[in-house]
Amino acid sequence: MMTELEALKSRHSVRQYKEDAVPEESIKILQDEIAKINKEQNLNFQLVVNDPNTFTNFLAHYGNFTGVRNYIAIIGKKDRDVDVGYYTEKLVLLIQSLGMNSCICASSFSKSKALVTVGKDERFYLGVCFGYGVKQGVDHKNKPVETLFEVESGEAPEWFKKGVEAALMAPTALNQQKFKITLKENGKCRAISKFGPCSKMDLGIVMYNFEVGAGKENVIWE
């Protein structure tokens, strides 16, 4: 199984899937990780396998989704956007490390058809479809680095540069990259989201990628 960094560098969003079944061993690994996240973070992520109906509505068709039968419903208490994005990306990289593909979806599927339970005080944030892609996906375009990252004093250390490289590979809604990460003079990192659809969830995704690239031991968030 590849490392998180290897998974991060090889992963691209994929919307068309083969009929190949996901091995039970891989499903068990995902279930165990989801259970761990839910317990430690008080979230309610739910894995669904062999459901051919949730990604068949008009939005899924418009988004060019085909063959989707497996997904993770990203569910949790309201106002947990950054945390939701962070742990969604953790699962996405795990899926990639298991030799599969995935796509994070905010609206290109039918939440009402999903075979999940959403509590009254919870929000159905996202769906992560996964399986074996027909193709492996393509790179997305990035904004200029100087608009997304800043160093307050001196030269950027090597770990920060590696974090930047990884963060630029993070999937964000409509490839907007509505975020900025600053290395403060005190050595801590500050991550902010700019206004835009799913921008706070995107920030969590970016923060996770940044940590993977920089080394989690090097990153202290302000």
Protein backbone atom coordinates (compact mmCIF):
# COMPACT_ATOMS: atom_id res chain seq x y z
CA MET A 1 0.00 0.00 0.00
CA MET A 2 1.40 3.41 -0.94
CA THR A 3 2.17 6.14 1.60
CA GLU A 4 -0.08 9.17 2.13
CA LEU A 5 2.35 11.40 0.26
CA GLU A 6 2.50 8.96 -2.66
CA ALA A 7 -1.32 8.81 -2.66
CA LEU A 8 -1.54 12.60 -2.58
CA LYS A 9 0.77 12.99 -5.57
CA SER A 10 -0.97 10.33 -7.65
CA ARG A 11 -4.58 11.24 -6.88
CA HIS A 12 -6.95 13.08 -9.24
CA SER A 13 -10.73 13.36 -9.12
CA VAL A 14 -12.45 10.59 -11.09
CA ARG A 15 -16.14 10.52 -12.06
CA GLN A 16 -16.46 7.41 -14.25
CA TYR A 17 -16.11 3.97 -12.65
CA LYS A 18 -15.80 0.39 -13.76
CA GLU A 19 -18.13 -2.34 -12.51
CA ASP A 20 -15.30 -4.06 -10.62
CA ALA A 21 -16.28 -4.83 -7.02
CA VAL A 22 -14.23 -3.35 -4.20
CA PRO A 23 -12.49 -6.12 -2.21
CA GLU A 24 -13.90 -6.84 1.23
CA GLU A 25 -10.47 -6.25 2.74
CA SER A 26 -10.44 -2.67 1.41
CA ILE A 27 -13.99 -2.08 2.64
CA LYS A 28 -12.96 -3.29 6.10
CA ILE A 29 -9.99 -0.90 6.17
CA LEU A 30 -12.25 2.02 5.23
CA GLN A 31 -14.91 1.02 7.76
CA ASP A 32 -12.32 0.82 10.54
CA GLU A 33 -10.89 4.24 9.69
CA ILE A 34 -14.36 5.79 9.50
CA ALA A 35 -15.28 4.30 12.87
CA LYS A 36 -12.09 5.73 14.37
CA ILE A 37 -12.75 9.20 12.95
CA ASN A 38 -16.38 9.18 14.11
CA LYS A 39 -15.41 8.15 17.63
CA GLU A 40 -12.50 10.57 18.04
CA GLN A 41 -14.08 13.56 16.28
CA ASN A 42 -17.78 13.09 17.10
CA LEU A 43 -18.72 12.88 13.42
CA ASN A 44 -21.13 10.55 11.63
CA PHE A 45 -19.45 9.51 8.38
CA GLN A 46 -21.20 6.51 6.80
CA LEU A 47 -19.94 4.09 4.14
CA VAL A 48 -22.34 2.67 1.54
CA VAL A 49 -21.43 -0.12 -0.88
CA ASN A 50 -23.34 -1.33 -3.97
CA ASP A 51 -25.93 1.44 -4.16
CA PRO A 52 -26.56 2.17 -7.88
CA ASN A 53 -29.20 4.87 -7.33
CA THR A 54 -27.72 7.79 -5.41
CA PHE A 55 -25.49 9.03 -8.24
CA THR A 56 -28.08 8.76 -11.03
CA ASN A 57 -30.03 12.03 -10.78
CA PHE A 58 -29.88 14.97 -13.18
CA LEU A 59 -26.98 16.65 -11.37
CA ALA A 60 -24.93 13.46 -11.48
CA HIS A 61 -25.68 13.10 -15.18
CA TYR A 62 -24.79 16.76 -15.76
CA GLY A 63 -21.55 16.25 -13.82
CA ASN A 64 -20.71 13.24 -16.02
CA PHE A 65 -20.79 10.68 -13.19
CA THR A 66 -21.19 7.08 -14.36
CA GLY A 67 -20.88 3.69 -12.73
CA VAL A 68 -20.89 5.01 -9.15
CA ARG A 69 -21.99 2.35 -6.66
CA ASN A 70 -19.87 3.09 -3.60
CA TYR A 71 -19.63 6.25 -1.53
CA ILE A 72 -18.94 7.71 1.88
CA ALA A 73 -21.60 10.06 3.20
CA ILE A 74 -19.87 12.91 5.02
CA ILE A 75 -22.26 13.70 7.85
CA GLY A 76 -21.73 15.53 11.13
CA LYS A 77 -22.91 18.25 13.47
CA LYS A 78 -23.51 21.63 11.91
CA ASP A 79 -20.70 24.22 11.77
CA ARG A 80 -17.95 21.58 11.54
CA ASP A 81 -16.95 22.56 8.00
CA VAL A 82 -13.17 22.73 8.47
CA ASP A 83 -13.03 19.48 10.44
CA VAL A 84 -15.24 17.77 7.86
CA GLY A 85 -12.92 18.81 5.04
CA TYR A 86 -9.82 17.73 6.96
CA TYR A 87 -11.05 14.20 7.68
CA THR A 88 -12.66 13.81 4.27
CA GLU A 89 -9.25 14.32 2.71
CA LYS A 90 -7.74 11.80 5.11
CA LEU A 91 -10.21 9.20 3.78
CA VAL A 92 -9.70 10.23 0.15
CA LEU A 93 -5.95 9.63 0.46
CA LEU A 94 -6.61 6.29 2.13
CA ILE A 95 -8.85 5.29 -0.80
CA GLN A 96 -6.07 6.22 -3.21
CA SER A 97 -3.49 4.29 -1.20
CA LEU A 98 -5.72 1.20 -1.53
CA GLY A 99 -5.42 1.41 -5.31
CA MET A 100 -8.79 3.04 -5.98
CA ASN A 101 -10.06 6.39 -7.20
CA SER A 102 -12.47 8.91 -5.74
CA CYS A 103 -14.28 12.21 -6.18
CA ILE A 104 -15.51 14.62 -3.51
CA CYS A 105 -19.02 15.82 -4.38
CA ALA A 106 -21.00 18.66 -2.82
CA SER A 107 -24.14 18.45 -4.94
CA SER A 108 -23.76 16.07 -7.90
CA PHE A 109 -25.82 13.32 -6.30
CA SER A 110 -29.19 12.75 -4.61
CA LYS A 111 -28.86 13.15 -0.85
CA SER A 112 -32.48 12.09 -0.43
CA LYS A 113 -31.78 8.72 -2.09
CA ALA A 114 -28.61 8.01 -0.13
CA LEU A 115 -28.86 4.96 2.14
CA VAL A 116 -27.84 6.85 5.27
CA THR A 117 -29.27 8.38 8.42
CA VAL A 118 -28.93 12.08 9.18
CA GLY A 119 -29.75 13.36 12.67
CA LYS A 120 -31.85 16.47 13.29
CA ASP A 121 -28.82 18.41 14.47
CA GLU A 122 -26.60 17.10 11.68
CA ARG A 123 -25.74 18.16 8.16
CA PHE A 124 -25.08 16.01 5.10
CA TYR A 125 -22.01 17.90 3.94
CA LEU A 126 -20.54 15.87 1.09
CA GLY A 127 -20.46 12.57 -0.73
CA VAL A 128 -17.20 10.84 -1.62
CA CYS A 129 -17.72 8.34 -4.42
CA PHE A 130 -15.02 5.72 -4.90
CA GLY A 131 -14.10 2.60 -6.82
CA TYR A 132 -11.94 1.70 -9.79
CA GLY A 133 -11.87 4.51 -12.29
CA VAL A 134 -12.19 4.11 -16.04
CA LYS A 135 -9.34 6.63 -16.21
CA GLN A 136 -7.03 8.10 -13.58
CA GLY A 137 -8.05 11.75 -13.91
CA VAL A 138 -6.00 14.85 -14.78
CA ASP A 139 -4.20 17.68 -12.99
CA HIS A 140 -6.05 20.89 -12.17
CA LYS A 141 -4.73 24.38 -12.83
CA ASN A 142 -3.31 26.34 -9.88
CA LYS A 143 -3.41 30.00 -8.99
CA PRO A 144 -0.08 31.86 -8.60
CA VAL A 145 1.68 30.59 -5.46
CA GLU A 146 2.17 34.10 -4.04
CA THR A 147 -1.60 34.61 -3.82
CA LEU A 148 -2.07 31.44 -1.76
CA PHE A 149 0.99 31.34 0.52
CA GLU A 150 3.03 33.89 2.47
CA VAL A 151 6.13 33.90 4.70
CA GLU A 152 6.21 36.80 7.13
CA SER A 153 9.95 36.84 7.70
CA GLY A 154 13.00 35.42 5.92
CA GLU A 155 13.19 32.49 3.56
CA ALA A 156 10.63 29.70 3.62
CA PRO A 157 12.03 26.57 5.29
CA GLU A 158 12.14 23.39 3.23
CA TRP A 159 9.23 21.80 5.13
CA PHE A 160 7.01 24.80 4.32
CA LYS A 161 7.90 24.55 0.63
CA LYS A 162 6.98 20.87 0.64
CA GLY A 163 3.72 21.71 2.40
CA VAL A 164 2.95 24.29 -0.27
CA GLU A 165 3.59 21.75 -3.02
CA ALA A 166 1.20 19.29 -1.39
CA ALA A 167 -1.48 21.89 -0.64
CA LEU A 168 -1.55 22.96 -4.29
CA MET A 169 -2.65 19.41 -5.18
CA ALA A 170 -5.67 19.57 -2.88
CA PRO A 171 -9.10 19.30 -4.53
CA THR A 172 -11.26 22.38 -3.95
CA ALA A 173 -14.77 23.27 -5.11
CA LEU A 174 -14.71 24.36 -8.77
CA ASN A 175 -10.89 24.49 -8.39
CA GLN A 176 -11.33 27.90 -6.74
CA GLN A 177 -8.46 27.60 -4.22
CA LYS A 178 -10.12 30.11 -1.89
CA PHE A 179 -7.48 29.88 0.84
CA LYS A 180 -4.23 31.34 2.10
CA ILE A 181 -1.58 29.80 4.36
CA THR A 182 0.89 32.08 6.13
CA LEU A 183 4.06 31.10 7.96
CA LYS A 184 4.15 33.49 10.91
CA GLU A 185 7.30 34.95 12.44
CA ASN A 186 6.75 32.75 15.50
CA GLY A 187 6.97 29.62 13.31
CA LYS A 188 3.26 28.82 13.49
CA CYS A 189 1.02 28.52 10.42
CA ARG A 190 -2.19 30.43 9.88
CA ALA A 191 -4.77 29.12 7.43
CA ILE A 192 -7.71 31.25 6.35
CA SER A 193 -10.54 30.69 3.89
CA LYS A 194 -11.88 33.32 1.56
CA PHE A 195 -15.57 33.59 0.73
CA GLY A 196 -16.81 31.04 -1.78
CA PRO A 197 -18.85 27.81 -2.11
CA CYS A 198 -17.56 25.14 0.31
CA SER A 199 -14.58 27.37 1.14
CA LYS A 200 -14.34 26.28 4.79
CA MET A 201 -14.49 22.59 3.88
CA ASP A 202 -11.91 23.26 1.18
CA LEU A 203 -9.69 24.85 3.83
CA GLY A 204 -9.78 21.67 5.89
CA ILE A 205 -8.82 19.64 2.82
CA VAL A 206 -5.94 21.99 2.06
CA MET A 207 -4.72 21.92 5.66
CA TYR A 208 -4.56 18.13 5.64
CA ASN A 209 -2.60 18.07 2.39
CA PHE A 210 -0.25 20.75 3.73
CA GLU A 211 0.47 18.64 6.81
CA VAL A 212 1.15 15.53 4.74
CA GLY A 213 3.65 17.40 2.57
CA ALA A 214 5.30 19.40 5.34
CA GLY A 215 5.38 16.62 7.91
CA LYS A 216 2.81 16.83 10.68
CA GLU A 217 5.58 17.20 13.26
CA ASN A 218 6.56 20.54 11.67
CA VAL A 219 3.12 22.17 11.51
CA ILE A 220 1.58 24.09 14.41
CA TRP A 221 -1.63 25.86 13.44
CA GLU A 222 -2.30 29.26 14.98
